[in-house]
C-alpha atoms as a PDB file:
ATOM      1  CA  LYS A   1      -0.240   0.076  -0.223  1.00  0.00           C
ATOM      2  CA  THR A   2       3.149   2.536   0.593  1.00  0.00           C
ATOM      3  CA  GLN A   3       4.146   4.014  -2.285  1.00  0.00           C
ATOM      4  CA  PRO A   4       6.402   3.789  -4.298  1.00  0.00           C
ATOM      5  CA  ASN A   5       5.089   0.030  -4.854  1.00  0.00           C
ATOM      6  CA  PRO A   6       7.392  -2.150  -5.387  1.00  0.00           C
ATOM      7  CA  PHE A   7       8.800  -0.208  -2.846  1.00  0.00           C
ATOM      8  CA  ALA A   8      12.289  -2.268  -3.191  1.00  0.00           C
ATOM      9  CA  GLN A   9      13.616  -4.302  -6.165  1.00  0.00           C
ATOM     10  CA  PRO A  10      16.482  -6.625  -6.255  1.00  0.00           C
ATOM     11  CA  PRO A  11      19.580  -4.706  -7.633  1.00  0.00           C
ATOM     12  CA  ALA A  12      21.940  -5.357 -10.338  1.00  0.00           C
ATOM     13  CA  GLY A  13      23.543  -8.601  -9.827  1.00  0.00           C
ATOM     14  CA  TYR A  14      21.241 -10.172  -7.830  1.00  0.00           C
ATOM     15  CA  SER A  15      18.457 -13.086  -8.693  1.00  0.00           C
ATOM     16  CA  PRO A  16      14.813 -11.642  -9.526  1.00  0.00           C
ATOM     17  CA  LYS A  17      13.505 -14.131  -7.809  1.00  0.00           C
ATOM     18  CA  HIS A  18      14.711 -13.876  -4.435  1.00  0.00           C
ATOM     19  CA  TYR A  19      13.746 -10.816  -2.519  1.00  0.00           C
ATOM     20  CA  ARG A  20      11.763 -11.279   0.546  1.00  0.00           C
ATOM     21  CA  ASP A  21      11.618 -11.376   4.110  1.00  0.00           C
ATOM     22  CA  PRO A  22      12.802  -7.879   4.936  1.00  0.00           C
ATOM     23  CA  PHE A  23      14.415  -7.623   8.967  1.00  0.00           C
ATOM     24  CA  ILE A  24      15.413  -4.659   9.741  1.00  0.00           C
ATOM     25  CA  PHE A  25      17.752  -3.865  13.076  1.00  0.00           C
ATOM     26  CA  THR A  26      19.501  -0.481  14.711  1.00  0.00           C
ATOM     27  CA  ASP A  27      23.163   0.228  15.165  1.00  0.00           C
ATOM     28  CA  GLN A  28      22.981   1.288  18.739  1.00  0.00           C
ATOM     29  CA  THR A  29      26.380   3.515  18.309  1.00  0.00           C
ATOM     30  CA  THR A  30      25.694   5.615  14.779  1.00  0.00           C
ATOM     31  CA  GLY A  31      21.576   5.404  15.064  1.00  0.00           C
ATOM     32  CA  GLN A  32      22.272   4.103  10.975  1.00  0.00           C
ATOM     33  CA  PHE A  33      18.947   1.454  10.069  1.00  0.00           C
ATOM     34  CA  HIS A  34      20.089  -1.863   8.687  1.00  0.00           C
ATOM     35  CA  MET A  35      17.935  -4.320   6.514  1.00  0.00           C
ATOM     36  CA  LEU A  36      19.040  -7.722   5.240  1.00  0.00           C
ATOM     37  CA  VAL A  37      16.944  -9.360   2.941  1.00  0.00           C
ATOM     38  CA  THR A  38      16.857 -12.582   1.493  1.00  0.00           C
ATOM     39  CA  ALA A  39      18.342 -12.528  -2.378  1.00  0.00           C
ATOM     40  CA  ALA A  40      20.822 -14.213  -4.197  1.00  0.00           C
ATOM     41  CA  LEU A  41      23.858 -12.586  -5.970  1.00  0.00           C
ATOM     42  CA  GLU A  42      23.825 -14.192  -9.659  1.00  0.00           C
ATOM     43  CA  PRO A  43      25.219 -15.193 -11.277  1.00  0.00           C
ATOM     44  CA  TYR A  44      27.778 -16.553  -8.717  1.00  0.00           C
ATOM     45  CA  PRO A  45      30.910 -17.901  -8.797  1.00  0.00           C
ATOM     46  CA  LEU A  46      30.000 -21.436  -7.335  1.00  0.00           C
ATOM     47  CA  TYR A  47      26.826 -23.170  -9.286  1.00  0.00           C
ATOM     48  CA  GLY A  48      23.641 -22.455  -6.800  1.00  0.00           C
ATOM     49  CA  ARG A  49      25.099 -21.172  -3.681  1.00  0.00           C
ATOM     50  CA  GLY A  50      24.745 -17.669  -4.563  1.00  0.00           C
ATOM     51  CA  GLY A  51      21.835 -17.145  -1.351  1.00  0.00           C
ATOM     52  CA  CYS A  52      22.372 -14.412   0.749  1.00  0.00           C
ATOM     53  CA  LEU A  53      21.158 -12.051   2.900  1.00  0.00           C
ATOM     54  CA  LEU A  54      21.410  -8.358   1.651  1.00  0.00           C
ATOM     55  CA  ARG A  55      21.970  -5.597   3.210  1.00  0.00           C
ATOM     56  CA  LEU A  56      21.280  -2.174   2.725  1.00  0.00           C
ATOM     57  CA  THR A  57      21.074   0.921   5.147  1.00  0.00           C
ATOM     58  CA  SER A  58      19.363   4.301   6.292  1.00  0.00           C
ATOM     59  CA  PRO A  59      18.822   7.067   8.348  1.00  0.00           C
ATOM     60  CA  ASP A  60      14.995   7.488   8.129  1.00  0.00           C
ATOM     61  CA  LEU A  61      13.847   3.998   6.626  1.00  0.00           C
ATOM     62  CA  LYS A  62      12.132   5.438   3.434  1.00  0.00           C
ATOM     63  CA  THR A  63      16.091   5.847   1.605  1.00  0.00           C
ATOM     64  CA  TRP A  64      17.707   2.992   1.319  1.00  0.00           C
ATOM     65  CA  THR A  65      21.256   2.276  -0.114  1.00  0.00           C
ATOM     66  CA  VAL A  66      22.572  -1.246  -0.853  1.00  0.00           C
ATOM     67  CA  ALA A  67      25.959  -2.137   0.947  1.00  0.00           C
ATOM     68  CA  GLU A  68      26.595  -5.710   0.500  1.00  0.00           C
ATOM     69  CA  PRO A  69      25.690  -9.218   1.061  1.00  0.00           C
ATOM     70  CA  PHE A  70      25.400  -9.511   4.850  1.00  0.00           C
ATOM     71  CA  ILE A  71      26.612 -13.383   4.469  1.00  0.00           C
ATOM     72  CA  ILE A  72      26.527 -15.891   1.887  1.00  0.00           C
ATOM     73  CA  PRO A  73      25.668 -19.373   3.726  1.00  0.00           C
ATOM     74  CA  GLY A  74      27.689 -21.804   0.765  1.00  0.00           C
ATOM     75  CA  GLY A  75      26.295 -25.507   1.210  1.00  0.00           C
ATOM     76  CA  GLN A  76      24.523 -27.323  -1.448  1.00  0.00           C
ATOM     77  CA  PRO A  77      23.524 -25.794  -4.798  1.00  0.00           C
ATOM     78  CA  GLY A  78      19.485 -25.182  -5.162  1.00  0.00           C
ATOM     79  CA  TYR A  79      16.928 -23.412  -3.286  1.00  0.00           C
ATOM     80  CA  PRO A  80      18.060 -24.719   0.876  1.00  0.00           C
ATOM     81  CA  ASN A  81      21.002 -22.553  -0.445  1.00  0.00           C
ATOM     82  CA  ILE A  82      18.659 -19.368   0.061  1.00  0.00           C
ATOM     83  CA  PRO A  83      18.811 -18.271   3.240  1.00  0.00           C
ATOM     84  CA  GLU A  84      15.401 -17.235   4.503  1.00  0.00           C
ATOM     85  CA  CYS A  85      13.407 -15.165   7.493  1.00  0.00           C
ATOM     86  CA  PRO A  86      16.621 -13.538   9.163  1.00  0.00           C
ATOM     87  CA  ASP A  87      16.998 -12.835  12.815  1.00  0.00           C
ATOM     88  CA  TYR A  88      19.341 -10.912  14.531  1.00  0.00           C
ATOM     89  CA  PHE A  89      20.086  -9.615  18.280  1.00  0.00           C
ATOM     90  CA  ARG A  90      22.473  -8.841  20.860  1.00  0.00           C
ATOM     91  CA  TRP A  91      22.649 -11.230  23.965  1.00  0.00           C
ATOM     92  CA  ASN A  92      25.234  -9.683  26.898  1.00  0.00           C
ATOM     93  CA  ASP A  93      28.500  -9.597  24.714  1.00  0.00           C
ATOM     94  CA  TRP A  94      27.599 -11.312  21.612  1.00  0.00           C
ATOM     95  CA  TYR A  95      25.749 -10.600  18.317  1.00  0.00           C
ATOM     96  CA  TYR A  96      23.582 -13.695  16.815  1.00  0.00           C
ATOM     97  CA  LEU A  97      22.447 -13.849  13.130  1.00  0.00           C
ATOM     98  CA  VAL A  98      19.593 -16.414  12.492  1.00  0.00           C
ATOM     99  CA  PHE A  99      18.414 -17.508   8.933  1.00  0.00           C
ATOM    100  CA  SER A 100      16.538 -20.634   7.542  1.00  0.00           C
ATOM    101  CA  LEU A 101      17.594 -23.349   5.035  1.00  0.00           C
ATOM    102  CA  ASN A 102      15.211 -25.166   3.556  1.00  0.00           C
ATOM    103  CA  GLY A 103      13.513 -24.405   7.005  1.00  0.00           C
ATOM    104  CA  LYS A 104      15.806 -25.375   9.591  1.00  0.00           C
ATOM    105  CA  ALA A 105      16.768 -22.103  11.549  1.00  0.00           C
ATOM    106  CA  HIS A 106      20.560 -21.755  11.479  1.00  0.00           C
ATOM    107  CA  TYR A 107      22.567 -19.157  13.412  1.00  0.00           C
ATOM    108  CA  ARG A 108      26.022 -17.553  13.512  1.00  0.00           C
ATOM    109  CA  LEU A 109      27.931 -15.493  16.361  1.00  0.00           C
ATOM    110  CA  SER A 110      30.406 -12.339  16.291  1.00  0.00           C
ATOM    111  CA  ARG A 111      32.085 -10.094  18.667  1.00  0.00           C
ATOM    112  CA  GLN A 112      31.036  -7.159  15.990  1.00  0.00           C
ATOM    113  CA  PRO A 113      27.922  -6.296  15.355  1.00  0.00           C
ATOM    114  CA  LEU A 114      28.406  -6.385  11.496  1.00  0.00           C
ATOM    115  CA  GLY A 115      30.613  -9.704  11.787  1.00  0.00           C
ATOM    116  CA  PRO A 116      32.869 -11.582  11.037  1.00  0.00           C
ATOM    117  CA  TRP A 117      30.430 -14.349  11.841  1.00  0.00           C
ATOM    118  CA  GLN A 118      31.790 -17.340  12.655  1.00  0.00           C
ATOM    119  CA  ARG A 119      29.647 -20.701  12.234  1.00  0.00           C
ATOM    120  CA  PRO A 120      29.355 -22.940  15.729  1.00  0.00           C
ATOM    121  CA  PRO A 121      29.899 -26.557  15.752  1.00  0.00           C
ATOM    122  CA  ILE A 122      26.256 -26.860  16.108  1.00  0.00           C
ATOM    123  CA  ASP A 123      24.812 -24.047  14.290  1.00  0.00           C
ATOM    124  CA  VAL A 124      21.151 -25.142  14.086  1.00  0.00           C
ATOM    125  CA  LEU A 125      18.220 -23.705  16.899  1.00  0.00           C
ATOM    126  CA  ASP A 126      16.667 -27.012  16.572  1.00  0.00           C
ATOM    127  CA  ASP A 127      17.472 -30.622  14.934  1.00  0.00           C
ATOM    128  CA  SER A 128      13.959 -31.647  13.678  1.00  0.00           C
ATOM    129  CA  ASP A 129      13.478 -31.099   9.992  1.00  0.00           C
ATOM    130  CA  ILE A 130       9.988 -30.109  10.732  1.00  0.00           C
ATOM    131  CA  ALA A 131      10.641 -27.606  13.539  1.00  0.00           C
ATOM    132  CA  MET A 132      10.617 -24.370  10.912  1.00  0.00           C
ATOM    133  CA  VAL A 133      12.170 -21.050  10.549  1.00  0.00           C
ATOM    134  CA  MET A 134      12.764 -20.489  14.267  1.00  0.00           C
ATOM    135  CA  LYS A 135      13.202 -16.894  15.178  1.00  0.00           C
ATOM    136  CA  THR A 136      13.697 -15.553  18.686  1.00  0.00           C
ATOM    137  CA  ALA A 137      12.423 -12.785  21.571  1.00  0.00           C
ATOM    138  CA  PRO A 138      13.931 -11.566  24.730  1.00  0.00           C
ATOM    139  CA  PHE A 139      12.539 -12.559  28.070  1.00  0.00           C
ATOM    140  CA  THR A 140      12.519 -11.084  31.146  1.00  0.00           C
ATOM    141  CA  GLY A 141      15.456 -11.999  33.144  1.00  0.00           C
ATOM    142  CA  ASP A 142      17.880 -12.289  30.658  1.00  0.00           C
ATOM    143  CA  ARG A 143      16.240 -15.145  28.757  1.00  0.00           C
ATOM    144  CA  ARG A 144      15.643 -15.612  25.263  1.00  0.00           C
ATOM    145  CA  ILE A 145      12.585 -17.663  23.434  1.00  0.00           C
ATOM    146  CA  GLY A 146      12.362 -19.130  20.381  1.00  0.00           C
ATOM    147  CA  VAL A 147       9.461 -19.587  18.730  1.00  0.00           C
ATOM    148  CA  ALA A 148       8.749 -22.087  15.206  1.00  0.00           C
ATOM    149  CA  TYR A 149       6.188 -23.961  13.547  1.00  0.00           C
ATOM    150  CA  LEU A 150       5.539 -27.479  13.950  1.00  0.00           C
ATOM    151  CA  ALA A 151       5.273 -28.399  10.433  1.00  0.00           C
ATOM    152  CA  CYS A 152       2.786 -31.378   9.584  1.00  0.00           C
ATOM    153  CA  TYR A 153       3.400 -33.878   6.860  1.00  0.00           C
ATOM    154  CA  ARG A 154       1.059 -34.230   4.162  1.00  0.00           C
ATOM    155  CA  ASP A 155      -0.727 -37.742   3.857  1.00  0.00           C
ATOM    156  CA  HIS A 156       0.657 -38.445   7.448  1.00  0.00           C
ATOM    157  CA  GLN A 157       2.308 -41.505   6.059  1.00  0.00           C
ATOM    158  CA  ASP A 158       6.357 -41.377   5.715  1.00  0.00           C
ATOM    159  CA  SER A 159       6.949 -39.345   2.385  1.00  0.00           C
ATOM    160  CA  GLY A 160       8.415 -36.896   4.185  1.00  0.00           C
ATOM    161  CA  GLU A 161       6.528 -33.337   2.436  1.00  0.00           C
ATOM    162  CA  ARG A 162       5.963 -30.822   4.463  1.00  0.00           C
ATOM    163  CA  LEU A 163       2.635 -29.000   4.887  1.00  0.00           C
ATOM    164  CA  TYR A 164       3.253 -25.110   6.407  1.00  0.00           C
ATOM    165  CA  ALA A 165       1.356 -24.469   9.596  1.00  0.00           C
ATOM    166  CA  GLY A 166       0.257 -27.038  12.447  1.00  0.00           C
ATOM    167  CA  HIS A 167       1.733 -25.982  15.894  1.00  0.00           C
ATOM    168  CA  THR A 168       3.406 -23.506  17.238  1.00  0.00           C
ATOM    169  CA  LEU A 169       6.593 -24.717  19.207  1.00  0.00           C
ATOM    170  CA  PHE A 170       8.834 -23.252  21.568  1.00  0.00           C
ATOM    171  CA  ARG A 171      12.299 -23.640  23.106  1.00  0.00           C
ATOM    172  CA  GLU A 172      14.093 -21.808  25.897  1.00  0.00           C
ATOM    173  CA  ILE A 173      17.529 -20.687  23.940  1.00  0.00           C
ATOM    174  CA  ILE A 174      20.225 -21.329  26.352  1.00  0.00           C
ATOM    175  CA  GLN A 175      23.330 -19.376  25.727  1.00  0.00           C
ATOM    176  CA  GLN A 176      26.486 -21.133  27.095  1.00  0.00           C
ATOM    177  CA  PRO A 177      29.635 -19.610  28.471  1.00  0.00           C
ATOM    178  CA  ASP A 178      31.338 -19.531  25.070  1.00  0.00           C
ATOM    179  CA  GLY A 179      28.543 -17.803  23.156  1.00  0.00           C
ATOM    180  CA  THR A 180      26.871 -20.755  21.350  1.00  0.00           C
ATOM    181  CA  LEU A 181      23.333 -21.284  21.772  1.00  0.00           C
ATOM    182  CA  ALA A 182      21.486 -24.428  22.977  1.00  0.00           C
ATOM    183  CA  THR A 183      17.676 -25.133  23.359  1.00  0.00           C
ATOM    184  CA  THR A 184      15.601 -26.819  25.629  1.00  0.00           C
ATOM    185  CA  PHE A 185      11.698 -27.002  26.706  1.00  0.00           C
ATOM    186  CA  VAL A 186      10.519 -24.075  28.365  1.00  0.00           C
ATOM    187  CA  PRO A 187       9.793 -24.901  31.975  1.00  0.00           C
ATOM    188  CA  GLU A 188       6.654 -22.337  32.002  1.00  0.00           C
ATOM    189  CA  MET A 189       5.388 -23.902  29.336  1.00  0.00           C
ATOM    190  CA  THR A 190       5.279 -28.147  30.476  1.00  0.00           C
ATOM    191  CA  PRO A 191       1.785 -29.161  30.214  1.00  0.00           C
ATOM    192  CA  PRO A 192       0.262 -29.462  33.473  1.00  0.00           C
ATOM    193  CA  VAL A 193       0.680 -33.041  34.693  1.00  0.00           C
ATOM    194  CA  ALA A 194      -1.234 -35.889  36.918  1.00  0.00           C
ATOM    195  CA  ALA A 195       0.406 -38.185  39.735  1.00  0.00           C
ATOM    196  CA  LYS A 196       3.031 -40.211  38.581  1.00  0.00           C
ATOM    197  CA  LEU A 197       2.792 -43.902  37.446  1.00  0.00           C
ATOM    198  CA  ASN A 198       3.762 -46.631  39.796  1.00  0.00           C
ATOM    199  CA  LEU A 199       6.311 -48.903  37.411  1.00  0.00           C
ATOM    200  CA  ARG A 200       6.611 -52.620  37.259  1.00  0.00           C
ATOM    201  CA  PHE A 201       9.150 -53.198  35.068  1.00  0.00           C
ATOM    202  CA  THR A 202       9.390 -57.297  33.045  1.00  0.00           C
ATOM    203  CA  CYS A 203      12.419 -58.417  31.573  1.00  0.00           C
ATOM    204  CA  LEU A 204      11.629 -59.676  28.285  1.00  0.00           C
ATOM    205  CA  THR A 205      15.958 -60.406  27.009  1.00  0.00           C
ATOM    206  CA  GLY A 206      19.533 -59.599  28.847  1.00  0.00           C
ATOM    207  CA  GLU A 207      19.236 -59.266  32.604  1.00  0.00           C
ATOM    208  CA  MET A 208      17.557 -56.346  35.029  1.00  0.00           C
ATOM    209  CA  LEU A 209      17.414 -55.112  38.273  1.00  0.00           C
ATOM    210  CA  ALA A 210      14.422 -52.669  38.774  1.00  0.00           C
ATOM    211  CA  GLY A 211      13.151 -50.630  41.601  1.00  0.00           C
ATOM    212  CA  PRO A 212       9.993 -47.954  41.987  1.00  0.00           C
ATOM    213  CA  ASP A 213      12.540 -45.450  39.932  1.00  0.00           C
ATOM    214  CA  HIS A 214      15.061 -47.044  38.335  1.00  0.00           C
ATOM    215  CA  LEU A 215      15.539 -50.053  35.627  1.00  0.00           C
ATOM    216  CA  HIS A 216      19.353 -51.612  35.399  1.00  0.00           C
ATOM    217  CA  LEU A 217      19.234 -53.549  31.545  1.00  0.00           C
ATOM    218  CA  GLN A 218      22.403 -55.646  30.693  1.00  0.00           C
ATOM    219  CA  SER A 219      22.852 -57.545  27.853  1.00  0.00           C
ATOM    220  CA  HIS A 220      26.785 -58.080  26.773  1.00  0.00           C
ATOM    221  CA  ALA A 221      25.620 -59.831  23.298  1.00  0.00           C
ATOM    222  CA  GLY A 222      22.574 -58.356  21.660  1.00  0.00           C
ATOM    223  CA  GLN A 223      19.295 -56.515  23.214  1.00  0.00           C
ATOM    224  CA  GLY A 224      18.152 -56.484  26.573  1.00  0.00           C
ATOM    225  CA  VAL A 225      15.123 -55.146  26.661  1.00  0.00           C
ATOM    226  CA  ALA A 226      12.646 -54.277  29.993  1.00  0.00           C
ATOM    227  CA  VAL A 227       8.758 -53.041  29.222  1.00  0.00           C
ATOM    228  CA  LEU A 228       5.818 -51.050  30.961  1.00  0.00           C
ATOM    229  CA  ASP A 229       2.485 -51.863  30.266  1.00  0.00           C
ATOM    230  CA  GLY A 230      -0.556 -49.489  30.557  1.00  0.00           C
ATOM    231  CA  VAL A 231       1.218 -46.540  29.796  1.00  0.00           C
ATOM    232  CA  PRO A 232      -1.044 -43.736  28.180  1.00  0.00           C
ATOM    233  CA  GLN A 233      -0.881 -41.655  24.677  1.00  0.00           C
ATOM    234  CA  ASN A 234      -0.519 -38.502  26.701  1.00  0.00           C
ATOM    235  CA  ALA A 235       2.789 -38.434  29.303  1.00  0.00           C
ATOM    236  CA  ARG A 236       5.667 -37.228  30.261  1.00  0.00           C
ATOM    237  CA  LEU A 237       8.357 -38.924  30.853  1.00  0.00           C
ATOM    238  CA  THR A 238      11.614 -37.875  32.538  1.00  0.00           C
ATOM    239  CA  LEU A 239      14.531 -40.083  33.721  1.00  0.00           C
ATOM    240  CA  ARG A 240      18.263 -40.210  33.782  1.00  0.00           C
ATOM    241  CA  VAL A 241      20.057 -42.730  31.315  1.00  0.00           C
ATOM    242  CA  SER A 242      23.602 -43.758  32.650  1.00  0.00           C
ATOM    243  CA  PRO A 243      25.699 -46.138  30.185  1.00  0.00           C
ATOM    244  CA  ALA A 244      28.431 -48.235  31.195  1.00  0.00           C
ATOM    245  CA  PRO A 245      31.495 -47.732  28.643  1.00  0.00           C
ATOM    246  CA  ASN A 246      31.347 -48.599  25.295  1.00  0.00           C
ATOM    247  CA  THR A 247      27.855 -49.805  25.074  1.00  0.00           C
ATOM    248  CA  ALA A 248      26.671 -49.685  21.500  1.00  0.00           C
ATOM    249  CA  GLU A 249      23.265 -48.654  21.838  1.00  0.00           C
ATOM    250  CA  LEU A 250      20.887 -47.464  24.239  1.00  0.00           C
ATOM    251  CA  GLY A 251      17.156 -45.886  24.378  1.00  0.00           C
ATOM    252  CA  LEU A 252      13.247 -46.105  24.663  1.00  0.00           C
ATOM    253  CA  TRP A 253      10.218 -47.225  22.133  1.00  0.00           C
ATOM    254  CA  LEU A 254       7.078 -45.268  22.601  1.00  0.00           C
ATOM    255  CA  ARG A 255       3.979 -45.637  21.832  1.00  0.00           C
ATOM    256  CA  ALA A 256       4.975 -49.655  21.925  1.00  0.00           C
ATOM    257  CA  SER A 257       3.143 -52.654  20.982  1.00  0.00           C
ATOM    258  CA  GLY A 258       3.766 -56.259  20.341  1.00  0.00           C
ATOM    259  CA  ASP A 259       7.426 -57.764  22.123  1.00  0.00           C
ATOM    260  CA  LEU A 260       9.009 -54.982  20.540  1.00  0.00           C
ATOM    261  CA  GLU A 261       7.504 -55.077  17.222  1.00  0.00           C
ATOM    262  CA  ASN A 262       6.005 -51.056  16.411  1.00  0.00           C
ATOM    263  CA  GLY A 263       6.566 -48.615  18.535  1.00  0.00           C
ATOM    264  CA  TYR A 264       8.082 -44.772  18.069  1.00  0.00           C
ATOM    265  CA  ALA A 265      12.187 -45.550  18.378  1.00  0.00           C
ATOM    266  CA  LEU A 266      14.179 -43.064  20.478  1.00  0.00           C
ATOM    267  CA  THR A 267      17.782 -44.459  19.970  1.00  0.00           C
ATOM    268  CA  CYS A 268      21.135 -42.996  21.284  1.00  0.00           C
ATOM    269  CA  PHE A 269      24.337 -44.383  19.764  1.00  0.00           C
ATOM    270  CA  PRO A 270      27.033 -43.224  22.097  1.00  0.00           C
ATOM    271  CA  HIS A 271      29.983 -44.346  19.616  1.00  0.00           C
ATOM    272  CA  GLU A 272      28.361 -42.625  17.073  1.00  0.00           C
ATOM    273  CA  ARG A 273      27.134 -39.552  19.023  1.00  0.00           C
ATOM    274  CA  LYS A 274      23.355 -39.575  17.590  1.00  0.00           C
ATOM    275  CA  VAL A 275      20.438 -39.747  18.476  1.00  0.00           C
ATOM    276  CA  THR A 276      17.555 -40.609  16.361  1.00  0.00           C
ATOM    277  CA  LEU A 277      13.689 -39.947  16.618  1.00  0.00           C
ATOM    278  CA  ASN A 278      11.082 -42.358  14.183  1.00  0.00           C
ATOM    279  CA  ARG A 279      12.281 -39.885  10.936  1.00  0.00           C
ATOM    280  CA  GLN A 280      14.168 -37.362  12.540  1.00  0.00           C
ATOM    281  CA  SER A 281      17.772 -37.645  13.815  1.00  0.00           C
ATOM    282  CA  MET A 282      20.508 -34.911  15.905  1.00  0.00           C
ATOM    283  CA  THR A 283      24.183 -35.685  15.290  1.00  0.00           C
ATOM    284  CA  SER A 284      27.450 -34.419  16.910  1.00  0.00           C
ATOM    285  CA  VAL A 285      25.902 -35.193  20.459  1.00  0.00           C
ATOM    286  CA  ALA A 286      28.786 -35.013  23.187  1.00  0.00           C
ATOM    287  CA  GLY A 287      27.909 -37.463  26.143  1.00  0.00           C
ATOM    288  CA  LEU A 288      25.858 -39.852  25.024  1.00  0.00           C
ATOM    289  CA  GLY A 289      28.594 -42.447  26.979  1.00  0.00           C
ATOM    290  CA  GLN A 290      28.183 -40.315  30.116  1.00  0.00           C
ATOM    291  CA  PRO A 291      25.197 -39.695  32.622  1.00  0.00           C
ATOM    292  CA  PHE A 292      22.421 -37.410  31.055  1.00  0.00           C
ATOM    293  CA  THR A 293      18.980 -36.680  31.216  1.00  0.00           C
ATOM    294  CA  LEU A 294      16.269 -37.285  29.111  1.00  0.00           C
ATOM    295  CA  GLU A 295      12.443 -35.712  29.010  1.00  0.00           C
ATOM    296  CA  ILE A 296       9.969 -36.843  26.771  1.00  0.00           C
ATOM    297  CA  ILE A 297       6.715 -35.406  26.058  1.00  0.00           C
ATOM    298  CA  MET A 298       3.758 -36.846  24.142  1.00  0.00           C
ATOM    299  CA  HIS A 299       0.569 -35.415  23.230  1.00  0.00           C
ATOM    300  CA  GLY A 300      -2.222 -35.947  20.787  1.00  0.00           C
ATOM    301  CA  ASP A 301       0.437 -36.796  17.156  1.00  0.00           C
ATOM    302  CA  VAL A 302       3.286 -34.780  18.507  1.00  0.00           C
ATOM    303  CA  ILE A 303       6.786 -36.514  20.873  1.00  0.00           C
ATOM    304  CA  ASP A 304       8.951 -34.134  21.655  1.00  0.00           C
ATOM    305  CA  VAL A 305      12.401 -35.085  23.494  1.00  0.00           C
ATOM    306  CA  CYS A 306      15.108 -32.783  24.949  1.00  0.00           C
ATOM    307  CA  VAL A 307      18.286 -34.389  25.111  1.00  0.00           C
ATOM    308  CA  ASP A 308      20.564 -33.208  28.704  1.00  0.00           C
ATOM    309  CA  GLY A 309      18.863 -29.950  28.433  1.00  0.00           C
ATOM    310  CA  ARG A 310      20.936 -28.607  25.289  1.00  0.00           C
ATOM    311  CA  ARG A 311      19.238 -30.055  22.643  1.00  0.00           C
ATOM    312  CA  CYS A 312      15.778 -30.807  21.116  1.00  0.00           C
ATOM    313  CA  LEU A 313      14.230 -33.426  18.765  1.00  0.00           C
ATOM    314  CA  VAL A 314      10.324 -33.665  18.136  1.00  0.00           C
ATOM    315  CA  ASP A 315       8.172 -35.284  15.373  1.00  0.00           C
ATOM    316  CA  ARG A 316       5.052 -36.380  14.303  1.00  0.00           C
ATOM    317  CA  ALA A 317       3.470 -39.321  15.428  1.00  0.00           C
ATOM    318  CA  TYR A 318       0.446 -40.071  13.717  1.00  0.00           C
ATOM    319  CA  GLN A 319       0.152 -44.186  13.314  1.00  0.00           C
ATOM    320  CA  LEU A 320       1.078 -45.846  16.536  1.00  0.00           C
ATOM    321  CA  GLN A 321      -0.819 -46.020  19.907  1.00  0.00           C
ATOM    322  CA  GLY A 322       0.241 -48.915  21.705  1.00  0.00           C
ATOM    323  CA  ASP A 323       0.389 -48.861  25.408  1.00  0.00           C
ATOM    324  CA  ARG A 324       3.533 -49.510  26.006  1.00  0.00           C
ATOM    325  CA  LEU A 325       7.129 -48.608  26.523  1.00  0.00           C
ATOM    326  CA  PHE A 326      10.222 -50.480  25.980  1.00  0.00           C
ATOM    327  CA  PHE A 327      14.033 -49.802  27.864  1.00  0.00           C
ATOM    328  CA  VAL A 328      16.553 -51.033  25.153  1.00  0.00           C
ATOM    329  CA  CYS A 329      20.358 -51.524  25.658  1.00  0.00           C
ATOM    330  CA  ALA A 330      22.187 -53.615  23.175  1.00  0.00           C
ATOM    331  CA  ASP A 331      26.171 -54.921  23.459  1.00  0.00           C
ATOM    332  CA  GLY A 332      26.422 -53.162  26.894  1.00  0.00           C
ATOM    333  CA  GLU A 333      24.526 -52.184  29.923  1.00  0.00           C
ATOM    334  CA  VAL A 334      22.862 -49.161  30.949  1.00  0.00           C
ATOM    335  CA  THR A 335      20.951 -47.524  34.344  1.00  0.00           C
ATOM    336  CA  PHE A 336      18.112 -45.622  33.878  1.00  0.00           C
ATOM    337  CA  ASP A 337      17.224 -43.421  36.961  1.00  0.00           C
ATOM    338  CA  SER A 338      14.829 -40.918  38.322  1.00  0.00           C
ATOM    339  CA  ILE A 339      12.552 -42.065  36.117  1.00  0.00           C
ATOM    340  CA  GLU A 340       9.652 -40.035  36.808  1.00  0.00           C
ATOM    341  CA  LEU A 341       6.387 -41.202  34.678  1.00  0.00           C
ATOM    342  CA  THR A 342       3.416 -38.991  35.059  1.00  0.00           C
ATOM    343  CA  PRO A 343       0.285 -38.480  33.038  1.00  0.00           C
ATOM    344  CA  LEU A 344      -1.020 -35.438  31.110  1.00  0.00           C
ATOM    345  CA  ARG A 345      -3.791 -33.821  32.443  1.00  0.00           C
END
């Protein structure tokens, strides 16, 4: 509605297909306005890798001057290379730049307001490929909250085709001492729960020692499996996991049925530093060979997992509605303790 319309167009040397998602911030030292715009350099020396955030400057939010690309992430050729939905903020003594590639939010950090930008070892704010275009906002107490949308799958099957919209997904953003970011559940948004359930484990294979809130599984050749029955569909599960050295694999089967026949597998691979949940996976997960915590919320068609209060993984769970919960250990031994299973109200 504002004239002139269009207000801004791709300048020479930039693709006419990509010019969107403006984000404006102020340089606190000069008062100058900066606008980041999703764009793509054309031509670019590397095939399909010219996607960038173009930076423009203005003294008054009306007259804008093209500066230079703020960042050119590179990556694989094609559409996922285009950085979309930028976010920029200062937090304590660090500056952060957030952008989404193929829907997944990545970030960079710097000590300077305009870079240079450092790519951290883990540069995503949520590992799931259906946690889309996360952006952040400050919250009281020097906190920061990330908000994304949790996409749906088109046919509720395993095709992987995602649809826009679905649910709003919230994450607490944690600033580490070295400036890198971690994510966890927002404590105030934990769904209300009823009284915790009494746990009675049944051993299927391997060796088991169990008590009211702990379970030790051992199987040095093959799988050791224990099961809980009568688990509600909507529940919160918290526990601490302590693997013995050299344990190859451990985890849980959620909403499962049969004798480890069907279920949504949440599996940790300490040697590979990997965690998987159904269709989703996260890599470079440090500390899986040491004690760590798991928090799991099953609600409707969503299973949401937080690993050790620093990495999150979420997926849709449309099909399976079993009431069994399997605890699994492969080629090693593991202790699950401080186990609390509580139905959601």
